[in-house]
């Protein structure tokens, strides 16, 4: 096994990664343990939830978005991953911690 790329995930711990092909891209949905950290994309402190990365080029993963999760530390907060469902042309991601369908157009 060889490391070919890296993302610091905004300093959030990785939990239950899910990678799915969407069109011509490979998108990683990475749930996180609970925490409250800075999101450099928004400039705000956010509860750890789900990171969305384009990993089509594994040597240069591109951080697309962070969806805040439930408040709390470690197992008390964060997000759990579900299955991605394609509904043309939008993609809906089931994220248990948010309690609703998330249309990815909301984030990128």
C-alpha atoms as a PDB file:
ATOM      1  CA  UNK A   1       0.000   0.000   0.000  1.00  0.00           C
ATOM      2  CA  UNK A   2       1.286   3.488  -0.881  1.00  0.00           C
ATOM      3  CA  UNK A   3       0.121   6.915   0.255  1.00  0.00           C
ATOM      4  CA  UNK A   4      -0.617   8.970  -2.859  1.00  0.00           C
ATOM      5  CA  UNK A   5      -2.546  11.942  -1.453  1.00  0.00           C
ATOM      6  CA  UNK A   6      -3.636  13.598   1.771  1.00  0.00           C
ATOM      7  CA  UNK A   7      -6.239  15.976   3.195  1.00  0.00           C
ATOM      8  CA  UNK A   8      -6.147  17.241   6.779  1.00  0.00           C
ATOM      9  CA  UNK A   9     -10.002  17.312   6.749  1.00  0.00           C
ATOM     10  CA  UNK A  10      -9.859  20.670   8.578  1.00  0.00           C
ATOM     11  CA  UNK A  11      -8.348  18.846  11.570  1.00  0.00           C
ATOM     12  CA  UNK A  12     -11.475  16.693  12.006  1.00  0.00           C
ATOM     13  CA  UNK A  13     -11.162  12.957  12.799  1.00  0.00           C
ATOM     14  CA  UNK A  14     -12.319  10.651  10.009  1.00  0.00           C
ATOM     15  CA  UNK A  15     -15.202   8.283  10.729  1.00  0.00           C
ATOM     16  CA  UNK A  16     -17.152   6.118   8.281  1.00  0.00           C
ATOM     17  CA  UNK A  17     -15.846   7.307   4.878  1.00  0.00           C
ATOM     18  CA  UNK A  18     -18.030   6.593   1.867  1.00  0.00           C
ATOM     19  CA  UNK A  19     -16.749   7.065  -1.723  1.00  0.00           C
ATOM     20  CA  UNK A  20     -19.138   7.109  -4.674  1.00  0.00           C
ATOM     21  CA  UNK A  21     -18.759   7.829  -8.379  1.00  0.00           C
ATOM     22  CA  UNK A  22     -20.900  10.755  -9.482  1.00  0.00           C
ATOM     23  CA  UNK A  23     -20.788  11.394 -13.204  1.00  0.00           C
ATOM     24  CA  UNK A  24     -17.099  11.533 -14.066  1.00  0.00           C
ATOM     25  CA  UNK A  25     -15.977  12.355 -10.506  1.00  0.00           C
ATOM     26  CA  UNK A  26     -15.281  10.286  -7.384  1.00  0.00           C
ATOM     27  CA  UNK A  27     -16.687  12.001  -4.292  1.00  0.00           C
ATOM     28  CA  UNK A  28     -15.738  11.079  -0.714  1.00  0.00           C
ATOM     29  CA  UNK A  29     -18.273  11.685   2.067  1.00  0.00           C
ATOM     30  CA  UNK A  30     -16.457  11.503   5.388  1.00  0.00           C
ATOM     31  CA  UNK A  31     -18.338  11.513   8.666  1.00  0.00           C
ATOM     32  CA  UNK A  32     -16.552  12.911  11.721  1.00  0.00           C
ATOM     33  CA  UNK A  33     -16.595  12.353  15.462  1.00  0.00           C
ATOM     34  CA  UNK A  34     -18.081  15.249  17.401  1.00  0.00           C
ATOM     35  CA  UNK A  35     -16.010  18.403  17.881  1.00  0.00           C
ATOM     36  CA  UNK A  36     -16.293  22.150  17.291  1.00  0.00           C
ATOM     37  CA  UNK A  37     -13.634  23.487  14.896  1.00  0.00           C
ATOM     38  CA  UNK A  38     -12.987  26.279  12.413  1.00  0.00           C
ATOM     39  CA  UNK A  39     -14.216  25.725   8.868  1.00  0.00           C
ATOM     40  CA  UNK A  40     -11.692  27.656   6.711  1.00  0.00           C
ATOM     41  CA  UNK A  41     -14.170  27.646   3.806  1.00  0.00           C
ATOM     42  CA  UNK A  42     -16.801  29.593   5.763  1.00  0.00           C
ATOM     43  CA  UNK A  43     -14.596  31.256   8.388  1.00  0.00           C
ATOM     44  CA  UNK A  44     -16.960  30.017  11.138  1.00  0.00           C
ATOM     45  CA  UNK A  45     -16.625  27.592  14.038  1.00  0.00           C
ATOM     46  CA  UNK A  46     -18.799  24.569  13.211  1.00  0.00           C
ATOM     47  CA  UNK A  47     -19.767  21.321  14.867  1.00  0.00           C
ATOM     48  CA  UNK A  48     -17.999  18.472  13.090  1.00  0.00           C
ATOM     49  CA  UNK A  49     -20.318  16.643  10.716  1.00  0.00           C
ATOM     50  CA  UNK A  50     -19.523  15.564   7.164  1.00  0.00           C
ATOM     51  CA  UNK A  51     -16.687  16.571   4.848  1.00  0.00           C
ATOM     52  CA  UNK A  52     -17.204  16.281   1.103  1.00  0.00           C
ATOM     53  CA  UNK A  53     -14.106  15.873  -1.061  1.00  0.00           C
ATOM     54  CA  UNK A  54     -13.538  15.347  -4.767  1.00  0.00           C
ATOM     55  CA  UNK A  55     -11.031  12.466  -4.853  1.00  0.00           C
ATOM     56  CA  UNK A  56     -11.068  11.936  -8.617  1.00  0.00           C
ATOM     57  CA  UNK A  57      -7.337  12.751  -8.580  1.00  0.00           C
ATOM     58  CA  UNK A  58      -6.217  10.911  -5.435  1.00  0.00           C
ATOM     59  CA  UNK A  59      -2.888  12.762  -5.507  1.00  0.00           C
ATOM     60  CA  UNK A  60      -4.723  16.068  -5.030  1.00  0.00           C
ATOM     61  CA  UNK A  61      -8.022  15.641  -3.171  1.00  0.00           C
ATOM     62  CA  UNK A  62     -10.153  18.795  -3.335  1.00  0.00           C
ATOM     63  CA  UNK A  63     -12.112  19.775  -0.205  1.00  0.00           C
ATOM     64  CA  UNK A  64     -15.549  20.843  -1.476  1.00  0.00           C
ATOM     65  CA  UNK A  65     -17.669  21.408   1.601  1.00  0.00           C
ATOM     66  CA  UNK A  66     -18.295  20.740   5.277  1.00  0.00           C
ATOM     67  CA  UNK A  67     -21.827  20.059   6.525  1.00  0.00           C
ATOM     68  CA  UNK A  68     -22.059  20.753  10.276  1.00  0.00           C
ATOM     69  CA  UNK A  69     -23.282  17.867  12.427  1.00  0.00           C
ATOM     70  CA  UNK A  70     -24.816  17.488  15.829  1.00  0.00           C
ATOM     71  CA  UNK A  71     -23.121  19.279  18.744  1.00  0.00           C
ATOM     72  CA  UNK A  72     -21.066  17.241  21.182  1.00  0.00           C
ATOM     73  CA  UNK A  73     -17.656  15.669  21.569  1.00  0.00           C
ATOM     74  CA  UNK A  74     -16.472  12.264  20.361  1.00  0.00           C
ATOM     75  CA  UNK A  75     -19.376   9.802  19.983  1.00  0.00           C
ATOM     76  CA  UNK A  76     -21.926  12.311  21.333  1.00  0.00           C
ATOM     77  CA  UNK A  77     -21.779  14.469  18.176  1.00  0.00           C
ATOM     78  CA  UNK A  78     -20.668  14.380  14.573  1.00  0.00           C
ATOM     79  CA  UNK A  79     -22.331  12.474  11.739  1.00  0.00           C
ATOM     80  CA  UNK A  80     -22.921   8.965  10.474  1.00  0.00           C
ATOM     81  CA  UNK A  81     -22.833   8.201   6.774  1.00  0.00           C
ATOM     82  CA  UNK A  82     -25.665   6.646   4.824  1.00  0.00           C
ATOM     83  CA  UNK A  83     -26.058   5.716   1.177  1.00  0.00           C
ATOM     84  CA  UNK A  84     -25.811   8.253  -1.636  1.00  0.00           C
ATOM     85  CA  UNK A  85     -28.840   8.231  -3.930  1.00  0.00           C
ATOM     86  CA  UNK A  86     -28.713   9.717  -7.433  1.00  0.00           C
ATOM     87  CA  UNK A  87     -31.812  11.620  -8.497  1.00  0.00           C
ATOM     88  CA  UNK A  88     -30.972  13.200 -11.838  1.00  0.00           C
ATOM     89  CA  UNK A  89     -29.667  15.826 -12.048  1.00  0.00           C
ATOM     90  CA  UNK A  90     -29.379  16.401  -8.282  1.00  0.00           C
ATOM     91  CA  UNK A  91     -27.687  14.104  -5.823  1.00  0.00           C
ATOM     92  CA  UNK A  92     -29.246  13.499  -2.438  1.00  0.00           C
ATOM     93  CA  UNK A  93     -27.162  12.302   0.494  1.00  0.00           C
ATOM     94  CA  UNK A  94     -28.830  10.632   3.444  1.00  0.00           C
ATOM     95  CA  UNK A  95     -27.075  11.867   6.566  1.00  0.00           C
ATOM     96  CA  UNK A  96     -28.578  10.517   9.756  1.00  0.00           C
ATOM     97  CA  UNK A  97     -27.213  13.231  12.029  1.00  0.00           C
ATOM     98  CA  UNK A  98     -28.845  16.010  10.009  1.00  0.00           C
ATOM     99  CA  UNK A  99     -32.193  14.260   9.862  1.00  0.00           C
ATOM    100  CA  UNK A 100     -33.031  15.394   6.358  1.00  0.00           C
ATOM    101  CA  UNK A 101     -32.002  14.807   2.763  1.00  0.00           C
ATOM    102  CA  UNK A 102     -29.170  17.096   1.708  1.00  0.00           C
ATOM    103  CA  UNK A 103     -29.097  18.284  -1.886  1.00  0.00           C
ATOM    104  CA  UNK A 104     -25.451  18.717  -2.814  1.00  0.00           C
ATOM    105  CA  UNK A 105     -26.304  21.792  -4.877  1.00  0.00           C
ATOM    106  CA  UNK A 106     -26.658  23.522  -1.489  1.00  0.00           C
ATOM    107  CA  UNK A 107     -22.927  23.106  -0.900  1.00  0.00           C
ATOM    108  CA  UNK A 108     -21.119  23.380  -4.271  1.00  0.00           C
END
